[in-house]
Amino acid sequence: MKTLEKARFDTRLSKEQKEIFEYAASLGGFRTLTDFVVSALQEKSRMIIEKHDAILTSKRDQKLFFKAIMNPAKPNQRLIDAASRFNNEISK
């Protein structure tokens, strides 16, 4: 079994923030405030990373699409033959 290396994260909260977070943690069924904070941070982090990755993918796809539109490949023999068969079929 792999042992996870631990790291510490400290923060200062206002009394009001801590009370709200503790209340939310209890409503959410979390054992401790730390469990709640770690869970919330993980969820938010995943959402931010997924959004970032989707934007990068989208930009990469846009570049590939526009490159293909602006610099189309020449038709190969199979495409030429298929177009010819299609033209023969619709001209009947």
C-alpha atoms as a PDB file:
ATOM      1  CA  MET A   1       0.000   0.000   0.000  1.00  0.00           C
ATOM      2  CA  LYS A   2       1.306   3.437  -0.958  1.00  0.00           C
ATOM      3  CA  THR A   3       1.712   5.930   1.875  1.00  0.00           C
ATOM      4  CA  LEU A   4       0.557   9.430   1.008  1.00  0.00           C
ATOM      5  CA  GLU A   5       2.883  12.245   1.907  1.00  0.00           C
ATOM      6  CA  LYS A   6       1.112  14.821   4.043  1.00  0.00           C
ATOM      7  CA  ALA A   7       1.394  18.603   3.817  1.00  0.00           C
ATOM      8  CA  ARG A   8      -0.071  21.271   6.044  1.00  0.00           C
ATOM      9  CA  PHE A   9      -2.318  24.154   4.989  1.00  0.00           C
ATOM     10  CA  ASP A  10      -3.048  26.950   7.442  1.00  0.00           C
ATOM     11  CA  THR A  11      -5.365  29.897   7.033  1.00  0.00           C
ATOM     12  CA  ARG A  12      -6.896  32.663   9.090  1.00  0.00           C
ATOM     13  CA  LEU A  13     -10.660  33.130   9.044  1.00  0.00           C
ATOM     14  CA  SER A  14     -12.937  35.673  10.540  1.00  0.00           C
ATOM     15  CA  LYS A  15     -15.108  34.360  13.365  1.00  0.00           C
ATOM     16  CA  GLU A  16     -18.169  34.734  11.113  1.00  0.00           C
ATOM     17  CA  GLN A  17     -16.563  32.749   8.291  1.00  0.00           C
ATOM     18  CA  LYS A  18     -15.582  29.942  10.633  1.00  0.00           C
ATOM     19  CA  GLU A  19     -19.094  29.765  12.077  1.00  0.00           C
ATOM     20  CA  ILE A  20     -20.668  29.643   8.604  1.00  0.00           C
ATOM     21  CA  PHE A  21     -18.204  26.997   7.418  1.00  0.00           C
ATOM     22  CA  GLU A  22     -18.726  24.873  10.531  1.00  0.00           C
ATOM     23  CA  TYR A  23     -22.499  25.119  10.127  1.00  0.00           C
ATOM     24  CA  ALA A  24     -22.272  24.116   6.441  1.00  0.00           C
ATOM     25  CA  ALA A  25     -19.946  21.235   7.358  1.00  0.00           C
ATOM     26  CA  SER A  26     -22.430  19.924   9.923  1.00  0.00           C
ATOM     27  CA  LEU A  27     -25.334  20.264   7.480  1.00  0.00           C
ATOM     28  CA  GLY A  28     -23.310  18.434   4.839  1.00  0.00           C
ATOM     29  CA  GLY A  29     -22.584  15.549   7.187  1.00  0.00           C
ATOM     30  CA  PHE A  30     -18.862  16.173   7.359  1.00  0.00           C
ATOM     31  CA  ARG A  31     -17.089  14.859  10.437  1.00  0.00           C
ATOM     32  CA  THR A  32     -14.870  17.924  10.823  1.00  0.00           C
ATOM     33  CA  LEU A  33     -14.414  21.392   9.385  1.00  0.00           C
ATOM     34  CA  THR A  34     -11.133  20.178   7.882  1.00  0.00           C
ATOM     35  CA  ASP A  35     -12.936  17.360   6.035  1.00  0.00           C
ATOM     36  CA  PHE A  36     -15.427  19.874   4.674  1.00  0.00           C
ATOM     37  CA  VAL A  37     -12.746  22.372   3.589  1.00  0.00           C
ATOM     38  CA  VAL A  38     -10.637  19.707   1.881  1.00  0.00           C
ATOM     39  CA  SER A  39     -13.688  18.306   0.088  1.00  0.00           C
ATOM     40  CA  ALA A  40     -14.847  21.752  -1.052  1.00  0.00           C
ATOM     41  CA  LEU A  41     -11.354  22.697  -2.249  1.00  0.00           C
ATOM     42  CA  GLN A  42     -10.985  19.443  -4.173  1.00  0.00           C
ATOM     43  CA  GLU A  43     -14.350  19.900  -5.871  1.00  0.00           C
ATOM     44  CA  LYS A  44     -13.678  23.541  -6.803  1.00  0.00           C
ATOM     45  CA  SER A  45     -10.153  22.693  -7.982  1.00  0.00           C
ATOM     46  CA  ARG A  46     -11.479  19.932 -10.254  1.00  0.00           C
ATOM     47  CA  MET A  47     -14.053  22.312 -11.749  1.00  0.00           C
ATOM     48  CA  ILE A  48     -11.437  24.984 -12.460  1.00  0.00           C
ATOM     49  CA  ILE A  49      -9.036  22.460 -14.006  1.00  0.00           C
ATOM     50  CA  GLU A  50     -11.786  20.912 -16.178  1.00  0.00           C
ATOM     51  CA  LYS A  51     -12.825  24.361 -17.420  1.00  0.00           C
ATOM     52  CA  HIS A  52      -9.211  25.264 -18.164  1.00  0.00           C
ATOM     53  CA  ASP A  53      -8.615  21.989 -20.021  1.00  0.00           C
ATOM     54  CA  ALA A  54     -11.839  22.443 -22.017  1.00  0.00           C
ATOM     55  CA  ILE A  55     -10.743  25.930 -23.072  1.00  0.00           C
ATOM     56  CA  LEU A  56      -7.324  24.652 -24.151  1.00  0.00           C
ATOM     57  CA  THR A  57      -8.917  21.792 -26.060  1.00  0.00           C
ATOM     58  CA  SER A  58     -11.382  24.166 -27.676  1.00  0.00           C
ATOM     59  CA  LYS A  59      -8.638  26.574 -28.753  1.00  0.00           C
ATOM     60  CA  ARG A  60      -6.535  23.701 -30.119  1.00  0.00           C
ATOM     61  CA  ASP A  61      -9.548  22.339 -32.007  1.00  0.00           C
ATOM     62  CA  GLN A  62     -10.305  25.810 -33.429  1.00  0.00           C
ATOM     63  CA  LYS A  63      -6.748  26.136 -34.719  1.00  0.00           C
ATOM     64  CA  LEU A  64      -6.859  22.676 -36.303  1.00  0.00           C
ATOM     65  CA  PHE A  65     -10.257  23.361 -37.877  1.00  0.00           C
ATOM     66  CA  PHE A  66      -9.302  26.720 -39.362  1.00  0.00           C
ATOM     67  CA  LYS A  67      -5.962  25.357 -40.549  1.00  0.00           C
ATOM     68  CA  ALA A  68      -7.826  22.568 -42.380  1.00  0.00           C
ATOM     69  CA  ILE A  69     -10.306  25.061 -43.882  1.00  0.00           C
ATOM     70  CA  MET A  70      -7.629  27.511 -44.977  1.00  0.00           C
ATOM     71  CA  ASN A  71      -5.196  24.849 -46.220  1.00  0.00           C
ATOM     72  CA  PRO A  72      -7.311  21.919 -47.415  1.00  0.00           C
ATOM     73  CA  ALA A  73      -5.558  18.722 -48.432  1.00  0.00           C
ATOM     74  CA  LYS A  74      -5.758  17.716 -52.071  1.00  0.00           C
ATOM     75  CA  PRO A  75      -8.290  14.944 -52.698  1.00  0.00           C
ATOM     76  CA  ASN A  76      -6.787  11.466 -52.837  1.00  0.00           C
ATOM     77  CA  GLN A  77      -7.756   8.879 -55.447  1.00  0.00           C
ATOM     78  CA  ARG A  78     -10.426   7.259 -53.253  1.00  0.00           C
ATOM     79  CA  LEU A  79     -12.185  10.605 -52.805  1.00  0.00           C
ATOM     80  CA  ILE A  80     -11.978  11.346 -56.539  1.00  0.00           C
ATOM     81  CA  ASP A  81     -13.455   7.907 -57.316  1.00  0.00           C
ATOM     82  CA  ALA A  82     -16.237   8.381 -54.754  1.00  0.00           C
ATOM     83  CA  ALA A  83     -17.131  11.805 -56.191  1.00  0.00           C
ATOM     84  CA  SER A  84     -17.212  10.314 -59.654  1.00  0.00           C
ATOM     85  CA  ARG A  85     -19.557   7.500 -58.540  1.00  0.00           C
ATOM     86  CA  PHE A  86     -21.776  10.044 -56.772  1.00  0.00           C
ATOM     87  CA  ASN A  87     -21.949  12.258 -59.854  1.00  0.00           C
ATOM     88  CA  ASN A  88     -22.817   9.239 -61.997  1.00  0.00           C
ATOM     89  CA  GLU A  89     -25.628   8.266 -59.611  1.00  0.00           C
ATOM     90  CA  ILE A  90     -27.249  11.695 -59.435  1.00  0.00           C
ATOM     91  CA  SER A  91     -27.025  12.242 -63.208  1.00  0.00           C
ATOM     92  CA  LYS A  92     -29.073   9.105 -63.975  1.00  0.00           C
END
